[in-house]
């Protein structure tokens, strides 16, 4: 796999990491505290890398994560756009 490089030969992932950290500092966000609160991801239901969970399962996960409103504004065959509002 080829690593994408930016102008000064930094890996692009590193450039994004630095930009994200600078933005967080400007916003007054402490990334260390946020990372400490982050849970370890586990598969839900029939979810795996090759088989996605159902739309209903995704909506349930959003609700369990604390989203007060969850919605599916667009759905077409096996595709959907879904999200929530805190």
Foldseek 3Di string as FASTA:
>chain_A
DDFDADDVRDGVVVVVVVVVVVVCVVVVHDVVVVVVPDDDDDDDDPDDPVDHDDPVVVQVVQVVVPFPDKDWPDDDVRDTDIDGHD
